[in-house]
Each structure stands twice: as C-alpha cells, then as structure tokens.
C-alpha cells in the first residue's frame, strides 16, 4: 500500500502543477480512480432504471409525461454514455480531470433534458440533478467546478421559468427550484472551499510524513553502520530496534522481534527494569557477562524527554577494549624486548660462559661449586624469560584450522598424561556436543592447554597423585560459542592474587616460572578470537575458562 502511495503522489503532484488544479483530500489514497469508477456504476444503474421506466410506461413513476419521446431518447443516450463511461474509467483514459468534467457536464445536460421532458423537478429529479453538480466540487474543487455549478443552476432556473410561462408548473414548484438552486450553489461553494483547504493540508501532511519516513530510514541506516551496538527497548521489555552490531554481541538471536529482552539477555533486562523503576531518566552504565561468557558494557539513556516508555541502550564489547589495551601493551613490550636483547642478552651470555669455564676448574671447593651452580641456574632462568618475551613480541598471525574437539582433546589428554606422569583416571574429558568444531591455530591451542594443565600439576598439590583434572567443553546456544573449562581440585588461587593472574611477570612462586605463562596463554587466545579467564569456584579448586568461537558454515 505504501509503495503505491509513493508511486501515486508524484503523479498527482505533476498533474496539479500542469493543470493548476487542487487535488481533493478524498483522492489522497491508494486508488484515485475509485470515486469516479463508483460514480460510473451509479450512472449506469440510473440510466438503466430510466430506460426500463420508459419501456414499462410512466404511470407508476410519474416521469416523462410532458415530452415522452424526448425522455426516452435522453434515457437511451444516457445509458449509452454511461456504458462508455464505465470503460473510460476502467482504462483511465482520458485523464482523471478531463473525465470528471466530461462526465458531470454530460450528466447535467442530459438531466436538464430529462427535467424538461418531465415537465419540472417533481418525481425526485431534484435529487438526481444535485448529485453531479456537487460531485464535481468534491472530486475537483476549484473555480472550474464552481463555474459549472453556476451554469447548471442558471440553466435549471431558465427551464423552470419557461415551463411556468407555458403554465406547465405553478409558482410553488418555481420556489422549490429556487431553494434547490440556492442549496446547490451554497453547498458547492462550501464543499469546494473546504475540500480545497483539506486537500492542501492533506498534501502537506503527506509530505511531512514522507520527510519523517526518510529521516527515519536515514537514522536507521546510520545506526546500522555504527560500530557500537544500539538497542531500543520499550518499558515492557519488547525490543523495538537492534542494529547489526548489537545483534552480533547478543549472539545473533533468531526471531528477536517476537521475543522480549529477558529471553535474549536476562542480565541486561534485570538492570533495565531496575533503571526504569529507580534511576530513569539519569544516564547510567553497567558491566555484565552475557550468558556468563561475553563481557559487555552498556549505557542506558531515556528515549525522548517526557515519558519513560522506551530506553536507548549502547552496547560495547569489553573484550575489544581489552584487546586495544593489550595492543598498546604489546607495542611497549616490543620496544622493551629490543632493549633486552641488546643490553641484557650479550652480558648474560658472557656470564653463563664464564660460569661454565669456572665450573671446569679443579681448584673449586664444594661451596664454590654451589655458587657456580646458582649462577648457571639463574642465568638459564633469565635466558628463558628473555626468550619468552622475545617469542611473545614476535607473535605471528595465527594459522587457524578446523579442530574437531573430541578427537583433538582426546589425543592431547593422552599425550599430557604420559609426559606429566599422571594416570589416565586422573584426567576426565567431557564434550557436548561430540561433533563440536572450532577454528584455532593448533600450535597455539596446544600451548594454551599445556600451560593451564601444567600449572595444575605444579601448583594444585605438592603430591601430583592427588590431582583430579577435568576438561569440560559445552556449546552456548545463546552466544553461539564453545565454553572450555580446565578444572582441578587443588588449593585454588588466593583471592588477592586472582585479579593479577594474567599480568606479565606476575608469579606466586619465587622459585618456579617466569610469570609469563598465563599472560602468553591469554594473548594467544585473543589472537585466535578467543578469551581466557579465571572463574572462582564455590569449593576448593581452580577453573580456567576459554570462550571459543565455533566453526561456522559460511
């Protein structure tokens, strides 16, 4: 319907400019020709009835007794013209304005002939005469229609005066004709004036509506191109609009238009309802974990300035912000490693070589040998730290492959148990669904999991035989991601250390490690569009969770 209106409006506007004629407010719909087509059907029915009355005689209708031959001829001509008018209105030729004036003009002429043949306006011809005169002012208000009304009234008065002069009507019918003509002129003028103003108002309203629709489309296009997620949510929780970025952040939900926000993002809906109830219209922001996987920051503001009917929600992915921050850190780290390689590695090599030569001396006692061992071990440890930092700064783009988790993790668990001296019963593996696949660099994935599992062996228990390790993987339908948990039953991480676990060079052991293992593991995950975090467990033990993107069939 709207497309037809848009197609029709420029045509009507063009005709208005060409003919200089106002458009009736009744015609500003999807089918301009409907009133004229209905009037053509009415003319055909009226002409048919008049012809039937002539064929059956005039006794019951009291029509055409003054000039029956003229009445019959005019009725037949009227019927013929009505038939032609049906086809003209159907094929819409000639133009609408031409047909309005042509049909009403011919009708008025034929009705005047019927009035004369009838010997006056009695028997209901007054109502038949008034209809086409007023109709012209309804369909095409303006000076032409008003002029046609005046000419018609003058012609009718002339016929009535002639009939009175020949003593076929009395003065009472002439006064009735005068009242009718006055009524027709006044109604034609009032209707024409009102419809002319109404048509201008309707045309202006339509233009404003089109402007508003264009602005709405422009606003929606701008929102769709934003890199920030945008949601418009009513107070009832119904989503009115969501741009593509927000749709991706919320896990690409299907049929979101028919679902309330509490089904798509329950954490977000809780904060939204609390904001509507207590905080609106103040602008506030919150951090949430969407379905316990995706970290989001959102800002709430009122849509409009007077009511609390809707809220505008701005969504940002905290992971992306963290990646930008990590990028800055890595750039600084890259500069640092260049200095480390130049300023530290060469002297460190000289120290290690001197310690090795010193250890070969036969004049060393037991205390001196212990000092040489300390020098060598710490030199190796420092060299490992430098190598780790250099490898981190030289991190290349991942070579992602499709990994079938069930087979890949089964092989990993087997290899790790053998090399770590663990029994197979100490490591459990759970994957749902079994057919799950991810896109990840296999070398990076192996390094991340090996680091996490190795930390469990080192720090969970002093006696590794007490360790129970579980790798649990499940599909998150809401966010379309895989959640891989590496869980142990050890002593866990102290609460004061949990916030610093992924900081570079942070370690809870002064004698083991460089403090770069977890930092490198998270960096490798970020490189593969995944995310690594520590989850606090209610009981003892540690849980490291990797949020993995699933393989899509694009």
Protein backbone atom coordinates (compact mmCIF):
# COMPACT_ATOMS: atom_id res chain seq x y z
CA UNK A 1 0.00 0.00 0.00
CA UNK A 2 2.75 2.44 0.93
CA UNK A 3 4.62 1.73 -2.30
CA UNK A 4 1.51 2.51 -4.33
CA UNK A 5 1.04 5.78 -2.43
CA UNK A 6 4.64 6.74 -3.13
CA UNK A 7 4.15 5.94 -6.82
CA UNK A 8 0.87 7.86 -6.99
CA UNK A 9 1.91 11.01 -5.13
CA UNK A 10 4.39 12.34 -7.72
CA UNK A 11 1.86 11.68 -10.50
CA UNK A 12 -0.82 13.66 -8.70
CA UNK A 13 1.61 16.44 -7.88
CA UNK A 14 2.66 16.62 -11.53
CA UNK A 15 -0.93 16.86 -12.69
CA UNK A 16 -1.61 19.52 -10.12
CA UNK A 17 1.27 21.58 -11.45
CA UNK A 18 0.28 21.00 -15.06
CA UNK A 19 -3.42 21.75 -14.73
CA UNK A 20 -3.18 24.25 -11.92
CA UNK A 21 -5.97 22.34 -10.14
CA UNK A 22 -6.14 21.42 -6.46
CA UNK A 23 -6.36 17.75 -5.52
CA UNK A 24 -9.30 16.71 -3.38
CA UNK A 25 -8.47 15.27 0.02
CA UNK A 26 -10.69 12.31 -0.91
CA UNK A 27 -8.23 11.38 -3.65
CA UNK A 28 -5.12 11.20 -1.47
CA UNK A 29 -5.38 7.43 -1.06
CA UNK A 30 -4.03 4.42 -2.87
CA UNK A 31 -6.70 4.46 -5.67
CA UNK A 32 -7.52 7.89 -7.05
CA UNK A 33 -9.94 6.50 -9.61
CA UNK A 34 -12.21 4.66 -7.16
CA UNK A 35 -14.77 7.53 -6.66
CA UNK A 36 -15.05 8.08 -10.42
CA UNK A 37 -15.43 4.36 -11.10
CA UNK A 38 -18.16 4.09 -8.47
CA UNK A 39 -19.93 7.10 -9.96
CA UNK A 40 -19.77 5.44 -13.41
CA UNK A 41 -21.53 2.38 -11.98
CA UNK A 42 -24.16 4.63 -10.40
CA UNK A 43 -24.75 6.38 -13.76
CA UNK A 44 -25.18 3.03 -15.49
CA UNK A 45 -27.72 1.86 -12.91
CA UNK A 46 -29.62 5.17 -13.06
CA UNK A 47 -29.71 5.22 -16.85
CA UNK A 48 -30.87 1.59 -16.90
CA UNK A 49 -33.71 2.35 -14.50
CA UNK A 50 -34.82 5.34 -16.60
CA UNK A 51 -34.83 3.22 -19.76
CA UNK A 52 -36.84 0.48 -18.02
CA UNK A 53 -39.36 3.09 -16.79
CA UNK A 54 -39.75 4.33 -20.39
CA UNK A 55 -40.27 0.78 -21.67
CA UNK A 56 -42.83 -0.13 -18.99
CA UNK A 57 -44.73 3.14 -19.21
CA UNK A 58 -44.79 6.19 -16.97
CA UNK A 59 -47.93 5.52 -14.97
CA UNK A 60 -46.29 4.25 -11.78
CA UNK A 61 -43.30 6.63 -11.80
CA UNK A 62 -44.93 9.85 -12.99
CA UNK A 63 -41.90 10.57 -15.24
CA UNK A 64 -41.61 11.92 -18.79
CA UNK A 65 -45.25 12.82 -19.36
CA UNK A 66 -44.54 16.26 -20.82
CA UNK A 67 -42.24 15.08 -23.63
CA UNK A 68 -42.17 11.24 -23.58
CA UNK A 69 -40.23 10.96 -26.84
CA UNK A 70 -37.52 13.30 -25.58
CA UNK A 71 -37.46 11.46 -22.24
CA UNK A 72 -36.96 8.10 -23.97
CA UNK A 73 -34.26 9.48 -26.28
CA UNK A 74 -32.40 11.19 -23.43
CA UNK A 75 -32.59 7.99 -21.33
CA UNK A 76 -31.16 5.86 -24.16
CA UNK A 77 -28.38 8.39 -24.80
CA UNK A 78 -27.68 8.48 -21.06
CA UNK A 79 -27.44 4.67 -20.97
CA UNK A 80 -25.06 4.62 -23.95
CA UNK A 81 -22.84 7.31 -22.46
CA UNK A 82 -22.87 5.50 -19.08
CA UNK A 83 -21.64 2.32 -20.76
CA UNK A 84 -18.86 4.23 -22.48
CA UNK A 85 -18.02 5.94 -19.18
CA UNK A 86 -17.55 2.57 -17.48
CA UNK A 87 -14.82 1.62 -19.97
CA UNK A 88 -13.20 5.07 -19.85
CA UNK A 89 -12.99 4.97 -16.05
CA UNK A 90 -11.66 1.39 -16.13
CA UNK A 91 -8.90 2.10 -18.67
CA UNK A 92 -8.26 5.56 -17.14
CA UNK A 93 -8.32 7.42 -20.39
CA UNK A 94 -8.52 10.36 -20.84
CA UNK A 95 -7.05 11.94 -17.70
CA UNK A 96 -8.87 11.99 -14.38
CA UNK A 97 -9.61 15.73 -14.51
CA UNK A 98 -10.94 15.51 -18.06
CA UNK A 99 -13.23 12.63 -17.15
CA UNK A 100 -14.58 14.44 -14.08
CA UNK A 101 -15.61 17.49 -16.11
CA UNK A 102 -16.74 15.40 -19.10
CA UNK A 103 -18.97 13.02 -17.12
CA UNK A 104 -20.50 15.64 -14.85
CA UNK A 105 -21.04 18.06 -17.74
CA UNK A 106 -22.78 15.44 -19.89
CA UNK A 107 -24.84 14.26 -16.90
CA UNK A 108 -26.02 17.79 -16.15
CA UNK A 109 -27.00 18.35 -19.81
CA UNK A 110 -28.93 15.06 -20.02
CA UNK A 111 -30.59 15.58 -16.64
CA UNK A 112 -31.68 19.06 -17.74
CA UNK A 113 -33.23 17.43 -20.81
CA UNK A 114 -34.96 14.88 -18.57
CA UNK A 115 -36.23 17.68 -16.31
CA UNK A 116 -37.64 19.47 -19.34
CA UNK A 117 -39.17 16.24 -20.74
CA UNK A 118 -40.62 15.52 -17.29
CA UNK A 119 -42.18 18.96 -17.11
CA UNK A 120 -40.34 20.02 -13.97
CA UNK A 121 -38.34 18.78 -10.99
CA UNK A 122 -41.05 16.67 -9.44
CA UNK A 123 -40.84 12.88 -9.01
CA UNK A 124 -37.35 13.05 -7.42
CA UNK A 125 -35.40 14.58 -10.30
CA UNK A 126 -34.22 17.38 -8.00
CA UNK A 127 -32.03 14.96 -6.06
CA UNK A 128 -30.69 13.37 -9.25
CA UNK A 129 -29.78 16.81 -10.59
CA UNK A 130 -27.99 17.95 -7.43
CA UNK A 131 -25.65 14.93 -7.27
CA UNK A 132 -23.41 15.53 -10.36
CA UNK A 133 -23.23 19.27 -9.62
CA UNK A 134 -21.94 18.70 -6.09
CA UNK A 135 -19.76 15.74 -7.16
CA UNK A 136 -17.66 17.93 -9.46
CA UNK A 137 -16.82 20.17 -6.49
CA UNK A 138 -15.94 17.13 -4.40
CA UNK A 139 -13.62 15.46 -6.93
CA UNK A 140 -12.12 18.63 -8.40
CA UNK A 141 -12.68 21.59 -6.07
CA UNK A 142 -11.92 24.95 -7.61
CA UNK A 143 -13.14 27.72 -9.88
CA UNK A 144 -14.00 25.44 -12.82
CA UNK A 145 -16.31 23.27 -10.75
CA UNK A 146 -17.95 26.32 -9.15
CA UNK A 147 -18.48 27.84 -12.59
CA UNK A 148 -20.06 24.59 -13.78
CA UNK A 149 -22.40 24.69 -10.77
CA UNK A 150 -23.45 28.28 -11.57
CA UNK A 151 -24.12 27.49 -15.24
CA UNK A 152 -26.15 24.41 -14.26
CA UNK A 153 -28.26 26.39 -11.79
CA UNK A 154 -28.92 29.14 -14.35
CA UNK A 155 -29.92 26.56 -16.95
CA UNK A 156 -32.27 24.85 -14.49
CA UNK A 157 -33.89 28.15 -13.48
CA UNK A 158 -34.32 29.02 -17.15
CA UNK A 159 -36.11 25.72 -17.84
CA UNK A 160 -38.37 26.20 -14.82
CA UNK A 161 -39.21 29.78 -15.86
CA UNK A 162 -40.04 28.59 -19.35
CA UNK A 163 -42.28 25.82 -18.01
CA UNK A 164 -44.05 28.30 -15.72
CA UNK A 165 -44.55 30.74 -18.61
CA UNK A 166 -46.25 27.95 -20.56
CA UNK A 167 -48.37 27.14 -17.50
CA UNK A 168 -46.97 23.61 -17.05
CA UNK A 169 -45.80 24.28 -13.47
CA UNK A 170 -47.08 26.56 -10.78
CA UNK A 171 -45.26 29.15 -8.68
CA UNK A 172 -44.77 26.72 -5.77
CA UNK A 173 -42.54 24.47 -7.90
CA UNK A 174 -40.59 27.52 -9.05
CA UNK A 175 -39.94 28.50 -5.44
CA UNK A 176 -38.87 24.92 -4.75
CA UNK A 177 -36.45 25.19 -7.67
CA UNK A 178 -35.09 28.45 -6.29
CA UNK A 179 -34.41 26.88 -2.92
CA UNK A 180 -32.78 23.89 -4.60
CA UNK A 181 -30.50 26.05 -6.74
CA UNK A 182 -29.57 28.15 -3.72
CA UNK A 183 -28.81 24.98 -1.77
CA UNK A 184 -26.73 23.59 -4.63
CA UNK A 185 -24.71 26.79 -5.03
CA UNK A 186 -24.04 27.18 -1.31
CA UNK A 187 -23.14 23.51 -0.84
CA UNK A 188 -20.91 23.55 -3.94
CA UNK A 189 -19.09 26.65 -2.72
CA UNK A 190 -18.69 25.40 0.87
CA UNK A 191 -17.67 21.87 -0.13
CA UNK A 192 -15.24 23.18 -2.74
CA UNK A 193 -13.66 25.66 -0.33
CA UNK A 194 -13.42 23.13 2.49
CA UNK A 195 -12.02 20.38 0.29
CA UNK A 196 -9.51 22.73 -1.28
CA UNK A 197 -8.16 23.61 2.17
CA UNK A 198 -8.37 20.00 3.31
CA UNK A 199 -6.51 18.80 0.23
CA UNK A 200 -3.70 21.28 0.82
CA UNK A 201 -3.50 20.20 4.45
CA UNK A 202 -3.55 16.52 3.49
CA UNK A 203 -0.87 17.04 0.85
CA UNK A 204 1.28 18.90 3.38
CA UNK A 205 0.73 16.16 5.96
CA UNK A 206 1.68 13.53 3.38
CA UNK A 207 4.84 15.43 2.50
CA UNK A 208 5.73 15.76 6.18
CA UNK A 209 5.07 12.06 6.63
CA UNK A 210 7.39 11.24 3.74
CA UNK A 211 10.04 13.54 5.20
CA UNK A 212 9.70 11.83 8.58
CA UNK A 213 9.88 8.40 6.92
CA UNK A 214 13.03 9.48 5.04
CA UNK A 215 14.62 10.76 8.25
CA UNK A 216 13.67 7.53 9.99
CA UNK A 217 15.33 5.49 7.24
CA UNK A 218 18.39 7.74 7.42
CA UNK A 219 18.61 7.34 11.20
CA UNK A 220 18.24 3.57 10.93
CA UNK A 221 20.92 3.45 8.24
CA UNK A 222 23.28 5.45 10.47
CA UNK A 223 22.55 3.19 13.46
CA UNK A 224 23.18 0.08 11.36
CA UNK A 225 26.60 1.39 10.28
CA UNK A 226 27.78 2.20 13.81
CA UNK A 227 30.46 0.00 15.34
CA UNK A 228 28.72 0.38 18.69
CA UNK A 229 25.73 -1.84 19.48
CA UNK A 230 22.41 0.01 19.69
CA UNK A 231 19.13 -1.31 21.11
CA UNK A 232 15.79 0.45 21.50
CA UNK A 233 13.72 -1.34 24.15
CA UNK A 234 10.24 -0.49 25.41
CA UNK A 235 9.46 -0.47 29.11
CA UNK A 236 7.59 -3.77 28.70
CA UNK A 237 10.86 -5.35 27.54
CA UNK A 238 9.93 -5.63 23.86
CA UNK A 239 12.81 -4.85 21.51
CA UNK A 240 11.83 -2.15 19.03
CA UNK A 241 15.11 -1.96 17.12
CA UNK A 242 18.51 -3.62 17.21
CA UNK A 243 21.40 -2.77 14.89
CA UNK A 244 23.65 -5.47 13.36
CA UNK A 245 26.50 -4.84 15.81
CA UNK A 246 24.27 -5.35 18.86
CA UNK A 247 22.75 -8.40 17.17
CA UNK A 248 26.23 -9.93 16.91
CA UNK A 249 27.09 -9.06 20.53
CA UNK A 250 23.93 -10.77 21.79
CA UNK A 251 24.77 -13.97 19.94
CA UNK A 252 22.83 -13.41 16.68
CA UNK A 253 19.43 -14.40 18.15
CA UNK A 254 16.76 -15.68 15.77
CA UNK A 255 13.32 -14.03 15.63
CA UNK A 256 14.34 -11.30 18.05
CA UNK A 257 11.36 -9.13 17.08
CA UNK A 258 8.92 -11.58 18.64
CA UNK A 259 10.90 -12.17 21.87
CA UNK A 260 11.26 -9.99 24.98
CA UNK A 261 14.67 -8.84 26.13
CA UNK A 262 14.61 -11.11 29.21
CA UNK A 263 14.84 -14.16 26.94
CA UNK A 264 17.74 -12.81 24.87
CA UNK A 265 19.76 -11.09 27.61
CA UNK A 266 18.38 -11.72 31.12
CA UNK A 267 21.28 -9.92 32.85
CA UNK A 268 20.69 -6.83 30.76
CA UNK A 269 16.92 -6.95 31.35
CA UNK A 270 17.38 -7.00 35.16
CA UNK A 271 19.42 -3.79 35.05
CA UNK A 272 17.00 -2.22 32.55
CA UNK A 273 13.91 -2.80 34.72
CA UNK A 274 15.75 -1.53 37.80
CA UNK A 275 16.76 1.57 35.85
CA UNK A 276 13.18 2.21 34.67
CA UNK A 277 11.92 1.89 38.23
CA UNK A 278 14.51 3.83 40.22
CA UNK A 279 17.04 5.70 38.08
CA UNK A 280 15.39 6.88 34.84
CA UNK A 281 15.98 9.39 33.24
CA UNK A 282 19.58 9.53 34.51
CA UNK A 283 22.20 8.05 32.19
CA UNK A 284 23.93 5.09 33.82
CA UNK A 285 26.30 2.32 32.69
CA UNK A 286 26.85 -1.25 33.84
CA UNK A 287 29.18 -4.16 33.13
CA UNK A 288 27.59 -7.57 32.61
CA UNK A 289 28.57 -11.04 31.48
CA UNK A 290 26.17 -12.06 28.73
CA UNK A 291 25.18 -15.68 29.44
CA UNK A 292 28.33 -15.97 31.57
CA UNK A 293 30.56 -15.71 28.51
CA UNK A 294 30.71 -12.36 26.69
CA UNK A 295 31.68 -9.34 28.78
CA UNK A 296 29.66 -6.30 27.80
CA UNK A 297 29.45 -2.71 28.95
CA UNK A 298 26.14 -0.99 28.32
CA UNK A 299 24.84 2.52 28.86
CA UNK A 300 21.16 3.34 29.42
CA UNK A 301 19.51 6.60 28.42
CA UNK A 302 15.90 7.65 28.03
CA UNK A 303 14.47 7.79 24.52
CA UNK A 304 12.60 11.08 24.34
CA UNK A 305 12.33 13.74 27.01
CA UNK A 306 8.92 13.34 28.67
CA UNK A 307 7.90 9.76 29.25
CA UNK A 308 9.55 6.52 30.30
CA UNK A 309 8.14 4.40 27.50
CA UNK A 310 11.45 3.36 25.89
CA UNK A 311 15.18 3.23 26.55
CA UNK A 312 18.17 3.61 24.26
CA UNK A 313 20.90 1.10 25.10
CA UNK A 314 24.51 1.47 23.91
CA UNK A 315 26.48 -1.80 23.95
CA UNK A 316 30.25 -2.17 23.89
CA UNK A 317 32.27 -5.38 23.91
CA UNK A 318 34.75 -5.15 26.77
CA UNK A 319 36.86 -7.80 25.06
CA UNK A 320 37.53 -5.45 22.18
CA UNK A 321 38.54 -2.67 24.57
CA UNK A 322 40.83 -5.11 26.33
CA UNK A 323 42.37 -6.11 23.01
CA UNK A 324 43.12 -2.47 22.23
CA UNK A 325 44.75 -2.05 25.63
CA UNK A 326 46.73 -5.22 25.12
CA UNK A 327 47.82 -3.92 21.73
CA UNK A 328 49.29 -0.85 23.40
CA UNK A 329 50.98 -3.05 25.98
CA UNK A 330 52.41 -5.28 23.29
CA UNK A 331 53.80 -2.29 21.41
CA UNK A 332 55.54 -1.13 24.58
CA UNK A 333 56.69 -4.68 25.25
CA UNK A 334 58.14 -4.89 21.76
CA UNK A 335 60.28 -1.83 22.37
CA UNK A 336 61.35 -3.27 25.71
CA UNK A 337 62.40 -6.60 24.20
CA UNK A 338 64.61 -4.85 21.68
CA UNK A 339 66.49 -3.23 24.54
CA UNK A 340 66.55 -6.50 26.49
CA UNK A 341 68.03 -8.40 23.57
CA UNK A 342 70.75 -5.80 23.10
CA UNK A 343 71.55 -4.74 26.67
CA UNK A 344 70.99 -7.93 28.67
CA UNK A 345 71.43 -10.95 26.45
CA UNK A 346 75.04 -10.30 25.47
CA UNK A 347 76.28 -9.74 29.06
CA UNK A 348 74.17 -12.70 30.18
CA UNK A 349 75.87 -14.89 27.59
CA UNK A 350 79.25 -13.78 28.86
CA UNK A 351 78.24 -14.57 32.48
CA UNK A 352 76.97 -18.02 31.51
CA UNK A 353 80.15 -18.79 29.53
CA UNK A 354 82.37 -17.62 32.41
CA UNK A 355 80.37 -19.74 34.89
CA UNK A 356 80.76 -22.77 32.64
CA UNK A 357 84.53 -22.26 32.40
CA UNK A 358 84.73 -21.73 36.14
CA UNK A 359 82.85 -24.96 36.82
CA UNK A 360 85.53 -26.87 34.90
CA UNK A 361 88.27 -25.72 37.30
CA UNK A 362 89.73 -28.36 39.65
CA UNK A 363 90.56 -25.82 42.38
CA UNK A 364 86.94 -25.20 43.42
CA UNK A 365 85.74 -26.42 46.76
CA UNK A 366 82.17 -27.51 47.49
CA UNK A 367 80.97 -24.01 48.44
CA UNK A 368 82.43 -22.51 45.26
CA UNK A 369 80.82 -25.22 43.15
CA UNK A 370 77.45 -24.38 44.76
CA UNK A 371 77.91 -20.71 43.89
CA UNK A 372 78.73 -21.61 40.29
CA UNK A 373 75.57 -23.75 40.07
CA UNK A 374 73.48 -20.83 41.36
CA UNK A 375 75.00 -18.56 38.70
CA UNK A 376 74.31 -21.09 35.95
CA UNK A 377 70.72 -21.88 37.01
CA UNK A 378 69.75 -18.23 37.35
CA UNK A 379 71.42 -17.42 34.05
CA UNK A 380 69.33 -20.14 32.38
CA UNK A 381 66.19 -18.85 34.10
CA UNK A 382 66.86 -15.32 32.94
CA UNK A 383 67.55 -16.56 29.43
CA UNK A 384 64.22 -18.44 29.43
CA UNK A 385 62.47 -15.21 30.48
CA UNK A 386 64.14 -13.29 27.69
CA UNK A 387 63.22 -15.99 25.15
CA UNK A 388 59.63 -15.96 26.34
CA UNK A 389 59.39 -12.18 25.98
CA UNK A 390 61.03 -12.29 22.56
CA UNK A 391 58.66 -15.02 21.37
CA UNK A 392 55.72 -13.02 22.67
CA UNK A 393 56.77 -9.87 20.86
CA UNK A 394 57.39 -11.85 17.65
CA UNK A 395 53.91 -13.35 17.75
CA UNK A 396 52.75 -14.07 14.21
CA UNK A 397 49.28 -14.22 12.76
CA UNK A 398 47.57 -17.49 13.68
CA UNK A 399 47.32 -20.28 11.17
CA UNK A 400 43.78 -21.30 12.08
CA UNK A 401 42.45 -24.72 11.24
CA UNK A 402 39.23 -26.57 11.89
CA UNK A 403 39.69 -28.68 15.02
CA UNK A 404 37.32 -31.49 15.96
CA UNK A 405 37.34 -31.11 19.73
CA UNK A 406 36.56 -34.70 20.65
CA UNK A 407 39.44 -36.26 18.74
CA UNK A 408 41.88 -33.38 19.29
CA UNK A 409 41.37 -33.15 23.06
CA UNK A 410 41.42 -36.93 23.46
CA UNK A 411 44.85 -37.05 21.85
CA UNK A 412 46.03 -34.08 23.93
CA UNK A 413 44.90 -35.69 27.20
CA UNK A 414 46.69 -38.91 26.29
CA UNK A 415 49.98 -37.12 25.50
CA UNK A 416 49.81 -34.86 28.56
CA UNK A 417 49.14 -37.77 30.93
CA UNK A 418 52.15 -39.69 29.60
CA UNK A 419 54.58 -36.77 29.73
CA UNK A 420 53.38 -35.49 33.13
CA UNK A 421 53.38 -38.90 34.81
CA UNK A 422 49.64 -38.79 35.54
CA UNK A 423 47.27 -41.71 35.36
CA UNK A 424 44.52 -41.62 32.76
CA UNK A 425 41.96 -41.86 35.55
CA UNK A 426 43.19 -38.53 36.92
CA UNK A 427 42.05 -36.65 33.82
CA UNK A 428 38.40 -36.55 32.72
CA UNK A 429 37.15 -35.26 29.40
CA UNK A 430 33.57 -34.14 28.69
CA UNK A 431 32.49 -32.62 25.36
CA UNK A 432 28.93 -31.68 24.40
CA UNK A 433 28.11 -31.99 21.60
CA UNK A 434 30.60 -34.62 20.47
CA UNK A 435 30.62 -33.19 16.93
CA UNK A 436 31.71 -29.71 18.11
CA UNK A 437 34.35 -27.96 15.97
CA UNK A 438 36.30 -24.73 16.45
CA UNK A 439 38.68 -22.59 14.40
CA UNK A 440 42.02 -22.21 16.16
CA UNK A 441 45.71 -22.40 15.48
CA UNK A 442 46.55 -25.95 16.66
CA UNK A 443 50.02 -24.92 17.88
CA UNK A 444 48.59 -22.05 19.90
CA UNK A 445 45.74 -24.20 21.24
CA UNK A 446 48.20 -26.87 22.36
CA UNK A 447 50.42 -24.29 24.04
CA UNK A 448 47.48 -22.72 25.93
CA UNK A 449 46.06 -26.02 27.20
CA UNK A 450 49.51 -27.40 28.05
CA UNK A 451 50.27 -24.30 30.09
CA UNK A 452 46.96 -24.49 32.01
CA UNK A 453 47.24 -28.22 32.71
CA UNK A 454 50.93 -27.93 33.63
CA UNK A 455 50.11 -25.18 36.14
CA UNK A 456 47.56 -27.52 37.74
CA UNK A 457 50.21 -30.20 38.11
CA UNK A 458 52.72 -27.72 39.60
CA UNK A 459 50.55 -25.72 41.98
CA UNK A 460 47.40 -27.72 42.82
CA UNK A 461 49.04 -30.20 45.18
CA UNK A 462 52.51 -30.95 46.46
CA UNK A 463 51.75 -34.58 45.63
CA UNK A 464 50.60 -34.84 41.98
CA UNK A 465 48.92 -38.19 42.65
CA UNK A 466 46.09 -36.35 44.47
CA UNK A 467 45.28 -34.22 41.43
CA UNK A 468 41.97 -34.60 39.62
CA UNK A 469 41.87 -32.70 36.33
CA UNK A 470 38.76 -32.19 34.20
CA UNK A 471 38.39 -30.70 30.73
CA UNK A 472 34.73 -29.84 30.19
CA UNK A 473 33.51 -28.33 26.92
CA UNK A 474 29.89 -27.26 26.18
CA UNK A 475 28.08 -25.31 23.48
CA UNK A 476 26.45 -22.00 24.49
CA UNK A 477 23.45 -21.61 22.18
CA UNK A 478 22.63 -18.09 23.37
CA UNK A 479 26.02 -16.67 22.35
CA UNK A 480 26.96 -19.32 19.75
CA UNK A 481 30.31 -20.02 21.42
CA UNK A 482 32.08 -23.01 22.99
CA UNK A 483 32.99 -22.89 26.69
CA UNK A 484 36.06 -24.96 27.60
CA UNK A 485 36.74 -25.26 31.35
CA UNK A 486 40.01 -26.58 32.74
CA UNK A 487 39.19 -27.52 36.36
CA UNK A 488 41.37 -29.00 39.10
CA UNK A 489 40.61 -30.00 42.70
CA UNK A 490 43.65 -28.28 44.19
CA UNK A 491 44.11 -25.49 46.69
CA UNK A 492 42.97 -22.82 44.27
CA UNK A 493 44.19 -19.25 43.83
CA UNK A 494 44.10 -16.79 46.68
CA UNK A 495 41.54 -14.06 46.27
CA UNK A 496 44.11 -11.28 46.45
CA UNK A 497 46.01 -12.88 43.54
CA UNK A 498 43.06 -13.59 41.26
CA UNK A 499 42.98 -10.09 39.71
CA UNK A 500 46.70 -10.26 38.82
CA UNK A 501 46.88 -13.77 37.36
CA UNK A 502 47.22 -12.61 33.75
CA UNK A 503 49.63 -9.77 34.38
CA UNK A 504 53.06 -10.25 32.78
CA UNK A 505 55.87 -11.30 35.17
CA UNK A 506 53.42 -11.99 37.99
CA UNK A 507 54.00 -15.33 39.73
CA UNK A 508 53.01 -16.83 43.05
CA UNK A 509 56.22 -18.86 43.22
CA UNK A 510 59.61 -17.30 43.62
CA UNK A 511 61.44 -20.44 42.59
CA UNK A 512 59.39 -21.59 39.56
CA UNK A 513 58.26 -19.95 36.36
CA UNK A 514 58.71 -16.54 34.80
CA UNK A 515 55.22 -15.13 35.35
CA UNK A 516 54.57 -15.09 31.61
CA UNK A 517 52.75 -18.39 31.10
CA UNK A 518 49.17 -17.25 31.75
CA UNK A 519 49.84 -13.90 30.13
CA UNK A 520 51.03 -15.62 26.95
CA UNK A 521 48.09 -18.06 27.10
CA UNK A 522 45.59 -15.19 27.16
CA UNK A 523 47.43 -13.39 24.38
CA UNK A 524 47.34 -16.48 22.19
CA UNK A 525 43.61 -16.83 22.86
CA UNK A 526 42.99 -13.21 21.90
CA UNK A 527 44.99 -13.76 18.73
CA UNK A 528 42.55 -16.53 17.79
CA UNK A 529 39.41 -14.51 18.68
CA UNK A 530 39.00 -16.42 21.95
CA UNK A 531 39.18 -15.30 25.56
CA UNK A 532 40.77 -16.82 28.66
CA UNK A 533 39.59 -16.01 32.21
CA UNK A 534 39.75 -17.36 35.73
CA UNK A 535 36.47 -18.49 37.35
CA UNK A 536 36.17 -18.53 41.11
CA UNK A 537 34.70 -21.80 42.34
CA UNK A 538 32.49 -22.05 45.45
CA UNK A 539 34.54 -25.01 46.70
CA UNK A 540 38.28 -25.61 46.53
CA UNK A 541 39.98 -25.84 43.19
CA UNK A 542 40.68 -23.66 40.16
CA UNK A 543 38.81 -23.16 36.92
CA UNK A 544 40.28 -21.54 33.83
CA UNK A 545 37.64 -20.90 31.16
CA UNK A 546 38.30 -20.41 27.45
CA UNK A 547 35.48 -18.88 25.37
CA UNK A 548 35.98 -20.26 21.87
CA UNK A 549 34.32 -19.20 18.62
CA UNK A 550 32.58 -22.14 16.96
CA UNK A 551 33.16 -23.06 13.35
CA UNK A 552 30.51 -21.54 11.05
CA UNK A 553 29.49 -22.87 7.64
CA UNK A 554 29.85 -19.57 5.77
